[in-house]
Amino acid sequence: MGNRLDKVLNKYNESVDIRKTYDVILSKLQQERINYERTLQNMEKKLRDKNCDVKELLTLTKQAQTLKQETQKKLEMAQNGEELSTMSNIVPVEKNLTLSSDLQHDLNQTKN
């Protein structure tokens, strides 16, 4: 009877150890789930921000191309003598193209 009781006690202790191990694993998985959700949310926000930056850059690119074409036309007209006024008609690019401060910061970082 004592031998049988020892066997049952050993099995019980093994099951308690296994249960503790599973509890530790479960706790770690729950913590990882929380961290994963936060990380995912942060990454999604960064992606949205970068998509906005890309849209802004595309808009600025189109504006720059339009200004370039207009400037080239005015320059050709001035060179052909069709326009006698000074080159002050050409709008400086800096006045029409403005970057958001975040986008400017990102661009400065990529240059460095």
PDB file of N, CA and C in Angstrom:
ATOM      1  N   MET A   1       0.824  -1.194   0.000  1.00  0.00           N
ATOM      2  CA  MET A   1       0.000   0.000   0.000  1.00  0.00           C
ATOM      3  C   MET A   1       0.872   1.263   0.000  1.00  0.00           C
ATOM      4  N   GLY A   2       1.954   1.290   0.772  1.00  0.00           N
ATOM      5  CA  GLY A   2       2.852   2.434   0.819  1.00  0.00           C
ATOM      6  C   GLY A   2       3.523   2.684  -0.522  1.00  0.00           C
ATOM      7  N   ASN A   3       3.894   1.606  -1.228  1.00  0.00           N
ATOM      8  CA  ASN A   3       4.529   1.731  -2.538  1.00  0.00           C
ATOM      9  C   ASN A   3       3.560   2.343  -3.553  1.00  0.00           C
ATOM     10  N   ARG A   4       2.339   1.907  -3.483  1.00  0.00           N
ATOM     11  CA  ARG A   4       1.307   2.432  -4.376  1.00  0.00           C
ATOM     12  C   ARG A   4       1.057   3.911  -4.091  1.00  0.00           C
ATOM     13  N   LEU A   5       1.022   4.269  -2.825  1.00  0.00           N
ATOM     14  CA  LEU A   5       0.819   5.659  -2.424  1.00  0.00           C
ATOM     15  C   LEU A   5       1.979   6.518  -2.913  1.00  0.00           C
ATOM     16  N   ASP A   6       3.208   6.027  -2.852  1.00  0.00           N
ATOM     17  CA  ASP A   6       4.383   6.766  -3.357  1.00  0.00           C
ATOM     18  C   ASP A   6       4.280   7.014  -4.858  1.00  0.00           C
ATOM     19  N   LYS A   7       3.816   5.990  -5.583  1.00  0.00           N
ATOM     20  CA  LYS A   7       3.659   6.134  -7.036  1.00  0.00           C
ATOM     21  C   LYS A   7       2.628   7.212  -7.361  1.00  0.00           C
ATOM     22  N   VAL A   8       1.522   7.208  -6.658  1.00  0.00           N
ATOM     23  CA  VAL A   8       0.476   8.206  -6.881  1.00  0.00           C
ATOM     24  C   VAL A   8       0.995   9.588  -6.518  1.00  0.00           C
ATOM     25  N   LEU A   9       1.734   9.695  -5.425  1.00  0.00           N
ATOM     26  CA  LEU A   9       2.298  10.975  -5.002  1.00  0.00           C
ATOM     27  C   LEU A   9       3.299  11.497  -6.038  1.00  0.00           C
ATOM     28  N   ASN A  10       4.123  10.623  -6.578  1.00  0.00           N
ATOM     29  CA  ASN A  10       5.070  11.022  -7.631  1.00  0.00           C
ATOM     30  C   ASN A  10       4.338  11.520  -8.874  1.00  0.00           C
ATOM     31  N   LYS A  11       3.298  10.803  -9.272  1.00  0.00           N
ATOM     32  CA  LYS A  11       2.503  11.227 -10.444  1.00  0.00           C
ATOM     33  C   LYS A  11       1.874  12.591 -10.186  1.00  0.00           C
ATOM     34  N   TYR A  12       1.356  12.790  -8.993  1.00  0.00           N
ATOM     35  CA  TYR A  12       0.750  14.078  -8.649  1.00  0.00           C
ATOM     36  C   TYR A  12       1.794  15.199  -8.722  1.00  0.00           C
ATOM     37  N   ASN A  13       2.967  14.983  -8.143  1.00  0.00           N
ATOM     38  CA  ASN A  13       4.029  15.993  -8.173  1.00  0.00           C
ATOM     39  C   ASN A  13       4.465  16.302  -9.608  1.00  0.00           C
ATOM     40  N   GLU A  14       4.542  15.286 -10.448  1.00  0.00           N
ATOM     41  CA  GLU A  14       4.881  15.503 -11.857  1.00  0.00           C
ATOM     42  C   GLU A  14       3.810  16.357 -12.540  1.00  0.00           C
ATOM     43  N   SER A  15       2.553  16.055 -12.255  1.00  0.00           N
ATOM     44  CA  SER A  15       1.474  16.828 -12.875  1.00  0.00           C
ATOM     45  C   SER A  15       1.480  18.272 -12.386  1.00  0.00           C
ATOM     46  N   VAL A  16       1.824  18.495 -11.123  1.00  0.00           N
ATOM     47  CA  VAL A  16       1.924  19.862 -10.595  1.00  0.00           C
ATOM     48  C   VAL A  16       3.061  20.602 -11.299  1.00  0.00           C
ATOM     49  N   ASP A  17       4.201  19.946 -11.492  1.00  0.00           N
ATOM     50  CA  ASP A  17       5.326  20.571 -12.193  1.00  0.00           C
ATOM     51  C   ASP A  17       4.960  20.913 -13.642  1.00  0.00           C
ATOM     52  N   ILE A  18       4.287  19.992 -14.288  1.00  0.00           N
ATOM     53  CA  ILE A  18       3.853  20.236 -15.676  1.00  0.00           C
ATOM     54  C   ILE A  18       2.880  21.409 -15.712  1.00  0.00           C
ATOM     55  N   ARG A  19       1.956  21.454 -14.763  1.00  0.00           N
ATOM     56  CA  ARG A  19       0.984  22.552 -14.696  1.00  0.00           C
ATOM     57  C   ARG A  19       1.699  23.892 -14.505  1.00  0.00           C
ATOM     58  N   LYS A  20       2.712  23.944 -13.637  1.00  0.00           N
ATOM     59  CA  LYS A  20       3.487  25.176 -13.420  1.00  0.00           C
ATOM     60  C   LYS A  20       4.176  25.608 -14.711  1.00  0.00           C
ATOM     61  N   THR A  21       4.738  24.635 -15.422  1.00  0.00           N
ATOM     62  CA  THR A  21       5.406  24.948 -16.687  1.00  0.00           C
ATOM     63  C   THR A  21       4.410  25.548 -17.683  1.00  0.00           C
ATOM     64  N   TYR A  22       3.242  24.940 -17.802  1.00  0.00           N
ATOM     65  CA  TYR A  22       2.224  25.463 -18.712  1.00  0.00           C
ATOM     66  C   TYR A  22       1.724  26.838 -18.277  1.00  0.00           C
ATOM     67  N   ASP A  23       1.621  27.065 -16.982  1.00  0.00           N
ATOM     68  CA  ASP A  23       1.211  28.378 -16.482  1.00  0.00           C
ATOM     69  C   ASP A  23       2.235  29.453 -16.869  1.00  0.00           C
ATOM     70  N   VAL A  24       3.525  29.116 -16.772  1.00  0.00           N
ATOM     71  CA  VAL A  24       4.585  30.061 -17.155  1.00  0.00           C
ATOM     72  C   VAL A  24       4.506  30.345 -18.649  1.00  0.00           C
ATOM     73  N   ILE A  25       4.332  29.294 -19.445  1.00  0.00           N
ATOM     74  CA  ILE A  25       4.218  29.458 -20.902  1.00  0.00           C
ATOM     75  C   ILE A  25       3.007  30.316 -21.235  1.00  0.00           C
ATOM     76  N   LEU A  26       1.883  30.049 -20.600  1.00  0.00           N
ATOM     77  CA  LEU A  26       0.670  30.822 -20.846  1.00  0.00           C
ATOM     78  C   LEU A  26       0.879  32.289 -20.488  1.00  0.00           C
ATOM     79  N   SER A  27       1.499  32.550 -19.368  1.00  0.00           N
ATOM     80  CA  SER A  27       1.756  33.925 -18.938  1.00  0.00           C
ATOM     81  C   SER A  27       2.631  34.661 -19.958  1.00  0.00           C
ATOM     82  N   LYS A  28       3.682  33.989 -20.437  1.00  0.00           N
ATOM     83  CA  LYS A  28       4.558  34.615 -21.433  1.00  0.00           C
ATOM     84  C   LYS A  28       3.810  34.887 -22.732  1.00  0.00           C
ATOM     85  N   LEU A  29       2.996  33.949 -23.161  1.00  0.00           N
ATOM     86  CA  LEU A  29       2.214  34.146 -24.387  1.00  0.00           C
ATOM     87  C   LEU A  29       1.227  35.303 -24.261  1.00  0.00           C
ATOM     88  N   GLN A  30       0.605  35.421 -23.092  1.00  0.00           N
ATOM     89  CA  GLN A  30      -0.323  36.533 -22.877  1.00  0.00           C
ATOM     90  C   GLN A  30       0.407  37.874 -22.928  1.00  0.00           C
ATOM     91  N   GLN A  31       1.591  37.922 -22.344  1.00  0.00           N
ATOM     92  CA  GLN A  31       2.377  39.155 -22.366  1.00  0.00           C
ATOM     93  C   GLN A  31       2.831  39.479 -23.790  1.00  0.00           C
ATOM     94  N   GLU A  32       3.236  38.463 -24.526  1.00  0.00           N
ATOM     95  CA  GLU A  32       3.645  38.673 -25.915  1.00  0.00           C
ATOM     96  C   GLU A  32       2.480  39.171 -26.753  1.00  0.00           C
ATOM     97  N   ARG A  33       1.283  38.664 -26.490  1.00  0.00           N
ATOM     98  CA  ARG A  33       0.105  39.111 -27.235  1.00  0.00           C
ATOM     99  C   ARG A  33      -0.120  40.612 -27.028  1.00  0.00           C
ATOM    100  N   ILE A  34       0.010  41.056 -25.788  1.00  0.00           N
ATOM    101  CA  ILE A  34      -0.159  42.483 -25.489  1.00  0.00           C
ATOM    102  C   ILE A  34       0.907  43.300 -26.212  1.00  0.00           C
ATOM    103  N   ASN A  35       2.149  42.863 -26.107  1.00  0.00           N
ATOM    104  CA  ASN A  35       3.233  43.582 -26.774  1.00  0.00           C
ATOM    105  C   ASN A  35       3.080  43.553 -28.284  1.00  0.00           C
ATOM    106  N   TYR A  36       2.630  42.443 -28.824  1.00  0.00           N
ATOM    107  CA  TYR A  36       2.439  42.319 -30.260  1.00  0.00           C
ATOM    108  C   TYR A  36       1.392  43.308 -30.749  1.00  0.00           C
ATOM    109  N   GLU A  37       0.288  43.409 -30.019  1.00  0.00           N
ATOM    110  CA  GLU A  37      -0.767  44.342 -30.416  1.00  0.00           C
ATOM    111  C   GLU A  37      -0.253  45.782 -30.411  1.00  0.00           C
ATOM    112  N   ARG A  38       0.511  46.140 -29.387  1.00  0.00           N
ATOM    113  CA  ARG A  38       1.070  47.502 -29.330  1.00  0.00           C
ATOM    114  C   ARG A  38       2.027  47.732 -30.484  1.00  0.00           C
ATOM    115  N   THR A  39       2.884  46.761 -30.727  1.00  0.00           N
ATOM    116  CA  THR A  39       3.855  46.883 -31.816  1.00  0.00           C
ATOM    117  C   THR A  39       3.138  46.993 -33.154  1.00  0.00           C
ATOM    118  N   LEU A  40       2.137  46.178 -33.346  1.00  0.00           N
ATOM    119  CA  LEU A  40       1.363  46.206 -34.585  1.00  0.00           C
ATOM    120  C   LEU A  40       0.689  47.561 -34.774  1.00  0.00           C
ATOM    121  N   GLN A  41       0.086  48.093 -33.715  1.00  0.00           N
ATOM    122  CA  GLN A  41      -0.563  49.401 -33.802  1.00  0.00           C
ATOM    123  C   GLN A  41       0.447  50.493 -34.148  1.00  0.00           C
ATOM    124  N   ASN A  42       1.621  50.448 -33.531  1.00  0.00           N
ATOM    125  CA  ASN A  42       2.653  51.441 -33.829  1.00  0.00           C
ATOM    126  C   ASN A  42       3.111  51.339 -35.272  1.00  0.00           C
ATOM    127  N   MET A  43       3.299  50.122 -35.740  1.00  0.00           N
ATOM    128  CA  MET A  43       3.742  49.935 -37.121  1.00  0.00           C
ATOM    129  C   MET A  43       2.673  50.384 -38.117  1.00  0.00           C
ATOM    130  N   GLU A  44       1.410  50.117 -37.822  1.00  0.00           N
ATOM    131  CA  GLU A  44       0.321  50.561 -38.694  1.00  0.00           C
ATOM    132  C   GLU A  44       0.243  52.077 -38.733  1.00  0.00           C
ATOM    133  N   LYS A  45       0.453  52.732 -37.595  1.00  0.00           N
ATOM    134  CA  LYS A  45       0.447  54.193 -37.567  1.00  0.00           C
ATOM    135  C   LYS A  45       1.595  54.747 -38.407  1.00  0.00           C
ATOM    136  N   LYS A  46       2.787  54.164 -38.263  1.00  0.00           N
ATOM    137  CA  LYS A  46       3.926  54.609 -39.061  1.00  0.00           C
ATOM    138  C   LYS A  46       3.663  54.414 -40.547  1.00  0.00           C
ATOM    139  N   LEU A  47       3.024  53.313 -40.895  1.00  0.00           N
ATOM    140  CA  LEU A  47       2.703  53.057 -42.293  1.00  0.00           C
ATOM    141  C   LEU A  47       1.727  54.103 -42.826  1.00  0.00           C
ATOM    142  N   ARG A  48       0.700  54.425 -42.035  1.00  0.00           N
ATOM    143  CA  ARG A  48      -0.248  55.472 -42.452  1.00  0.00           C
ATOM    144  C   ARG A  48       0.472  56.807 -42.634  1.00  0.00           C
ATOM    145  N   ASP A  49       1.361  57.136 -41.686  1.00  0.00           N
ATOM    146  CA  ASP A  49       2.113  58.386 -41.778  1.00  0.00           C
ATOM    147  C   ASP A  49       2.980  58.417 -43.038  1.00  0.00           C
ATOM    148  N   LYS A  50       3.660  57.315 -43.318  1.00  0.00           N
ATOM    149  CA  LYS A  50       4.518  57.247 -44.499  1.00  0.00           C
ATOM    150  C   LYS A  50       3.698  57.328 -45.778  1.00  0.00           C
ATOM    151  N   ASN A  51       2.510  56.719 -45.778  1.00  0.00           N
ATOM    152  CA  ASN A  51       1.639  56.826 -46.952  1.00  0.00           C
ATOM    153  C   ASN A  51       1.214  58.272 -47.188  1.00  0.00           C
ATOM    154  N   CYS A  52       0.946  58.988 -46.101  1.00  0.00           N
ATOM    155  CA  CYS A  52       0.615  60.415 -46.229  1.00  0.00           C
ATOM    156  C   CYS A  52       1.812  61.186 -46.780  1.00  0.00           C
ATOM    157  N   ASP A  53       3.004  60.848 -46.304  1.00  0.00           N
ATOM    158  CA  ASP A  53       4.217  61.500 -46.805  1.00  0.00           C
ATOM    159  C   ASP A  53       4.406  61.236 -48.291  1.00  0.00           C
ATOM    160  N   VAL A  54       4.141  60.008 -48.712  1.00  0.00           N
ATOM    161  CA  VAL A  54       4.284  59.664 -50.129  1.00  0.00           C
ATOM    162  C   VAL A  54       3.287  60.461 -50.964  1.00  0.00           C
ATOM    163  N   LYS A  55       2.049  60.553 -50.496  1.00  0.00           N
ATOM    164  CA  LYS A  55       1.041  61.334 -51.214  1.00  0.00           C
ATOM    165  C   LYS A  55       1.475  62.796 -51.323  1.00  0.00           C
ATOM    166  N   GLU A  56       1.997  63.330 -50.221  1.00  0.00           N
ATOM    167  CA  GLU A  56       2.453  64.715 -50.217  1.00  0.00           C
ATOM    168  C   GLU A  56       3.619  64.902 -51.194  1.00  0.00           C
ATOM    169  N   LEU A  57       4.537  63.952 -51.188  1.00  0.00           N
ATOM    170  CA  LEU A  57       5.672  64.038 -52.117  1.00  0.00           C
ATOM    171  C   LEU A  57       5.217  63.960 -53.570  1.00  0.00           C
ATOM    172  N   LEU A  58       4.230  63.114 -53.846  1.00  0.00           N
ATOM    173  CA  LEU A  58       3.709  63.029 -55.212  1.00  0.00           C
ATOM    174  C   LEU A  58       3.073  64.352 -55.630  1.00  0.00           C
ATOM    175  N   THR A  59       2.331  64.944 -54.720  1.00  0.00           N
ATOM    176  CA  THR A  59       1.719  66.245 -55.015  1.00  0.00           C
ATOM    177  C   THR A  59       2.795  67.299 -55.258  1.00  0.00           C
ATOM    178  N   LEU A  60       3.809  67.316 -54.415  1.00  0.00           N
ATOM    179  CA  LEU A  60       4.897  68.276 -54.577  1.00  0.00           C
ATOM    180  C   LEU A  60       5.657  68.035 -55.874  1.00  0.00           C
ATOM    181  N   THR A  61       5.819  66.781 -56.242  1.00  0.00           N
ATOM    182  CA  THR A  61       6.506  66.449 -57.492  1.00  0.00           C
ATOM    183  C   THR A  61       5.725  66.993 -58.677  1.00  0.00           C
ATOM    184  N   LYS A  62       4.413  66.790 -58.661  1.00  0.00           N
ATOM    185  CA  LYS A  62       3.571  67.308 -59.745  1.00  0.00           C
ATOM    186  C   LYS A  62       3.650  68.834 -59.806  1.00  0.00           C
ATOM    187  N   GLN A  63       3.601  69.475 -58.629  1.00  0.00           N
ATOM    188  CA  GLN A  63       3.703  70.936 -58.603  1.00  0.00           C
ATOM    189  C   GLN A  63       5.047  71.392 -59.146  1.00  0.00           C
ATOM    190  N   ALA A  64       6.103  70.706 -58.762  1.00  0.00           N
ATOM    191  CA  ALA A  64       7.442  71.078 -59.227  1.00  0.00           C
ATOM    192  C   ALA A  64       7.555  70.897 -60.728  1.00  0.00           C
ATOM    193  N   GLN A  65       6.991  69.824 -61.256  1.00  0.00           N
ATOM    194  CA  GLN A  65       7.041  69.595 -62.698  1.00  0.00           C
ATOM    195  C   GLN A  65       6.256  70.667 -63.445  1.00  0.00           C
ATOM    196  N   THR A  66       5.101  71.024 -62.911  1.00  0.00           N
ATOM    197  CA  THR A  66       4.298  72.078 -63.535  1.00  0.00           C
ATOM    198  C   THR A  66       5.046  73.402 -63.525  1.00  0.00           C
ATOM    199  N   LEU A  67       5.638  73.746 -62.387  1.00  0.00           N
ATOM    200  CA  LEU A  67       6.412  74.988 -62.291  1.00  0.00           C
ATOM    201  C   LEU A  67       7.615  74.965 -63.238  1.00  0.00           C
ATOM    202  N   LYS A  68       8.240  73.822 -63.355  1.00  0.00           N
ATOM    203  CA  LYS A  68       9.390  73.694 -64.257  1.00  0.00           C
ATOM    204  C   LYS A  68       8.956  73.942 -65.694  1.00  0.00           C
ATOM    205  N   GLN A  69       7.845  73.327 -66.078  1.00  0.00           N
ATOM    206  CA  GLN A  69       7.351  73.517 -67.442  1.00  0.00           C
ATOM    207  C   GLN A  69       6.975  74.970 -67.696  1.00  0.00           C
ATOM    208  N   GLU A  70       6.295  75.588 -66.733  1.00  0.00           N
ATOM    209  CA  GLU A  70       5.916  76.995 -66.886  1.00  0.00           C
ATOM    210  C   GLU A  70       7.157  77.877 -66.992  1.00  0.00           C
ATOM    211  N   THR A  71       8.140  77.591 -66.174  1.00  0.00           N
ATOM    212  CA  THR A  71       9.373  78.369 -66.194  1.00  0.00           C
ATOM    213  C   THR A  71      10.105  78.205 -67.515  1.00  0.00           C
ATOM    214  N   GLN A  72      10.154  76.969 -68.009  1.00  0.00           N
ATOM    215  CA  GLN A  72      10.808  76.731 -69.293  1.00  0.00           C
ATOM    216  C   GLN A  72      10.097  77.473 -70.420  1.00  0.00           C
ATOM    217  N   LYS A  73       8.752  77.471 -70.392  1.00  0.00           N
ATOM    218  CA  LYS A  73       7.988  78.190 -71.411  1.00  0.00           C
ATOM    219  C   LYS A  73       8.282  79.689 -71.352  1.00  0.00           C
ATOM    220  N   LYS A  74       8.301  80.236 -70.136  1.00  0.00           N
ATOM    221  CA  LYS A  74       8.570  81.668 -69.988  1.00  0.00           C
ATOM    222  C   LYS A  74       9.989  82.000 -70.438  1.00  0.00           C
ATOM    223  N   LEU A  75      10.908  81.129 -70.114  1.00  0.00           N
ATOM    224  CA  LEU A  75      12.287  81.346 -70.520  1.00  0.00           C
ATOM    225  C   LEU A  75      12.418  81.296 -72.038  1.00  0.00           C
ATOM    226  N   GLU A  76      11.755  80.345 -72.668  1.00  0.00           N
ATOM    227  CA  GLU A  76      11.780  80.253 -74.135  1.00  0.00           C
ATOM    228  C   GLU A  76      11.152  81.489 -74.766  1.00  0.00           C
ATOM    229  N   MET A  77      10.036  81.933 -74.167  1.00  0.00           N
ATOM    230  CA  MET A  77       9.378  83.128 -74.690  1.00  0.00           C
ATOM    231  C   MET A  77      10.293  84.341 -74.540  1.00  0.00           C
ATOM    232  N   ALA A  78      10.973  84.436 -73.417  1.00  0.00           N
ATOM    233  CA  ALA A  78      11.872  85.565 -73.192  1.00  0.00           C
ATOM    234  C   ALA A  78      13.053  85.494 -74.155  1.00  0.00           C
ATOM    235  N   GLN A  79      13.558  84.309 -74.379  1.00  0.00           N
ATOM    236  CA  GLN A  79      14.685  84.158 -75.301  1.00  0.00           C
ATOM    237  C   GLN A  79      14.269  84.439 -76.734  1.00  0.00           C
ATOM    238  N   ASN A  80      13.035  84.169 -77.069  1.00  0.00           N
ATOM    239  CA  ASN A  80      12.534  84.427 -78.420  1.00  0.00           C
ATOM    240  C   ASN A  80      12.071  85.874 -78.585  1.00  0.00           C
ATOM    241  N   GLY A  81      12.144  86.637 -77.547  1.00  0.00           N
ATOM    242  CA  GLY A  81      11.764  88.040 -77.618  1.00  0.00           C
ATOM    243  C   GLY A  81      10.271  88.260 -77.540  1.00  0.00           C
ATOM    244  N   GLU A  82       9.502  87.228 -77.291  1.00  0.00           N
ATOM    245  CA  GLU A  82       8.052  87.371 -77.218  1.00  0.00           C
ATOM    246  C   GLU A  82       7.613  88.017 -75.909  1.00  0.00           C
ATOM    247  N   GLU A  83       8.450  87.958 -74.916  1.00  0.00           N
ATOM    248  CA  GLU A  83       8.120  88.558 -73.628  1.00  0.00           C
ATOM    249  C   GLU A  83       9.256  89.493 -73.252  1.00  0.00           C
ATOM    250  N   LEU A  84       8.971  90.756 -73.097  1.00  0.00           N
ATOM    251  CA  LEU A  84      10.001  91.744 -72.826  1.00  0.00           C
ATOM    252  C   LEU A  84      10.167  92.034 -71.344  1.00  0.00           C
ATOM    253  N   SER A  85       9.235  91.557 -70.538  1.00  0.00           N
ATOM    254  CA  SER A  85       9.338  91.831 -69.109  1.00  0.00           C
ATOM    255  C   SER A  85      10.495  91.041 -68.516  1.00  0.00           C
ATOM    256  N   THR A  86      10.872  91.438 -67.330  1.00  0.00           N
ATOM    257  CA  THR A  86      12.002  90.775 -66.679  1.00  0.00           C
ATOM    258  C   THR A  86      11.601  89.382 -66.219  1.00  0.00           C
ATOM    259  N   MET A  87      12.563  88.648 -65.766  1.00  0.00           N
ATOM    260  CA  MET A  87      12.317  87.291 -65.333  1.00  0.00           C
ATOM    261  C   MET A  87      11.630  87.245 -63.964  1.00  0.00           C
ATOM    262  N   SER A  88      11.168  88.375 -63.478  1.00  0.00           N
ATOM    263  CA  SER A  88      10.487  88.398 -62.189  1.00  0.00           C
ATOM    264  C   SER A  88       9.129  87.707 -62.265  1.00  0.00           C
ATOM    265  N   ASN A  89       8.662  87.407 -63.461  1.00  0.00           N
ATOM    266  CA  ASN A  89       7.394  86.688 -63.605  1.00  0.00           C
ATOM    267  C   ASN A  89       7.527  85.234 -63.167  1.00  0.00           C
ATOM    268  N   ILE A  90       8.724  84.740 -63.153  1.00  0.00           N
ATOM    269  CA  ILE A  90       8.930  83.348 -62.774  1.00  0.00           C
ATOM    270  C   ILE A  90       8.800  83.251 -61.266  1.00  0.00           C
ATOM    271  N   VAL A  91       7.901  82.397 -60.816  1.00  0.00           N
ATOM    272  CA  VAL A  91       7.630  82.255 -59.394  1.00  0.00           C
ATOM    273  C   VAL A  91       8.696  81.365 -58.776  1.00  0.00           C
ATOM    274  N   PRO A  92       9.338  81.838 -57.730  1.00  0.00           N
ATOM    275  CA  PRO A  92      10.334  80.983 -57.076  1.00  0.00           C
ATOM    276  C   PRO A  92       9.687  79.703 -56.555  1.00  0.00           C
ATOM    277  N   VAL A  93      10.366  78.636 -56.728  1.00  0.00           N
ATOM    278  CA  VAL A  93       9.850  77.334 -56.321  1.00  0.00           C
ATOM    279  C   VAL A  93       9.594  77.300 -54.825  1.00  0.00           C
ATOM    280  N   GLU A  94      10.425  77.941 -54.047  1.00  0.00           N
ATOM    281  CA  GLU A  94      10.296  77.885 -52.602  1.00  0.00           C
ATOM    282  C   GLU A  94       8.955  78.427 -52.125  1.00  0.00           C
ATOM    283  N   LYS A  95       8.371  79.354 -52.851  1.00  0.00           N
ATOM    284  CA  LYS A  95       7.117  79.939 -52.405  1.00  0.00           C
ATOM    285  C   LYS A  95       5.937  79.001 -52.641  1.00  0.00           C
ATOM    286  N   ASN A  96       6.017  78.151 -53.650  1.00  0.00           N
ATOM    287  CA  ASN A  96       4.887  77.298 -53.983  1.00  0.00           C
ATOM    288  C   ASN A  96       5.007  75.883 -53.444  1.00  0.00           C
ATOM    289  N   LEU A  97       6.189  75.444 -53.131  1.00  0.00           N
ATOM    290  CA  LEU A  97       6.382  74.086 -52.648  1.00  0.00           C
ATOM    291  C   LEU A  97       6.801  74.123 -51.189  1.00  0.00           C
ATOM    292  N   THR A  98       5.951  73.606 -50.349  1.00  0.00           N
ATOM    293  CA  THR A  98       6.284  73.569 -48.928  1.00  0.00           C
ATOM    294  C   THR A  98       6.097  72.152 -48.414  1.00  0.00           C
ATOM    295  N   LEU A  99       7.050  71.690 -47.657  1.00  0.00           N
ATOM    296  CA  LEU A  99       6.989  70.363 -47.060  1.00  0.00           C
ATOM    297  C   LEU A  99       6.479  70.479 -45.638  1.00  0.00           C
ATOM    298  N   SER A 100       5.748  69.468 -45.204  1.00  0.00           N
ATOM    299  CA  SER A 100       5.373  69.446 -43.797  1.00  0.00           C
ATOM    300  C   SER A 100       6.644  69.265 -42.983  1.00  0.00           C
ATOM    301  N   SER A 101       6.611  69.703 -41.747  1.00  0.00           N
ATOM    302  CA  SER A 101       7.817  69.635 -40.922  1.00  0.00           C
ATOM    303  C   SER A 101       8.259  68.190 -40.708  1.00  0.00           C
ATOM    304  N   ASP A 102       7.297  67.260 -40.581  1.00  0.00           N
ATOM    305  CA  ASP A 102       7.655  65.843 -40.413  1.00  0.00           C
ATOM    306  C   ASP A 102       8.339  65.306 -41.654  1.00  0.00           C
ATOM    307  N   LEU A 103       7.807  65.644 -42.808  1.00  0.00           N
ATOM    308  CA  LEU A 103       8.387  65.165 -44.057  1.00  0.00           C
ATOM    309  C   LEU A 103       9.763  65.781 -44.272  1.00  0.00           C
ATOM    310  N   GLN A 104       9.907  67.057 -43.956  1.00  0.00           N
ATOM    311  CA  GLN A 104      11.203  67.708 -44.092  1.00  0.00           C
ATOM    312  C   GLN A 104      12.221  67.050 -43.166  1.00  0.00           C
ATOM    313  N   HIS A 105      11.790  66.733 -41.963  1.00  0.00           N
ATOM    314  CA  HIS A 105      12.677  66.064 -40.997  1.00  0.00           C
ATOM    315  C   HIS A 105      13.114  64.707 -41.537  1.00  0.00           C
ATOM    316  N   ASP A 106      12.163  63.925 -42.093  1.00  0.00           N
ATOM    317  CA  ASP A 106      12.490  62.610 -42.664  1.00  0.00           C
ATOM    318  C   ASP A 106      13.462  62.746 -43.826  1.00  0.00           C
ATOM    319  N   LEU A 107      13.244  63.739 -44.675  1.00  0.00           N
ATOM    320  CA  LEU A 107      14.140  63.944 -45.814  1.00  0.00           C
ATOM    321  C   LEU A 107      15.549  64.324 -45.353  1.00  0.00           C
ATOM    322  N   ASN A 108      15.626  65.167 -44.348  1.00  0.00           N
ATOM    323  CA  ASN A 108      16.930  65.555 -43.817  1.00  0.00           C
ATOM    324  C   ASN A 108      17.662  64.349 -43.225  1.00  0.00           C
ATOM    325  N   GLN A 109      16.910  63.470 -42.567  1.00  0.00           N
ATOM    326  CA  GLN A 109      17.536  62.284 -41.975  1.00  0.00           C
ATOM    327  C   GLN A 109      18.057  61.349 -43.046  1.00  0.00           C
ATOM    328  N   THR A 110      17.321  61.205 -44.152  1.00  0.00           N
ATOM    329  CA  THR A 110      17.783  60.295 -45.212  1.00  0.00           C
ATOM    330  C   THR A 110      19.003  60.859 -45.915  1.00  0.00           C
ATOM    331  N   LYS A 111      19.170  62.169 -45.946  1.00  0.00           N
ATOM    332  CA  LYS A 111      20.356  62.770 -46.559  1.00  0.00           C
ATOM    333  C   LYS A 111      21.584  62.499 -45.718  1.00  0.00           C
ATOM    334  N   ASN A 112      21.397  62.442 -44.395  1.00  0.00           N
ATOM    335  CA  ASN A 112      22.524  62.220 -43.480  1.00  0.00           C
ATOM    336  C   ASN A 112      22.763  60.766 -43.381  1.00  0.00           C
TER     337      ASN A 112
END
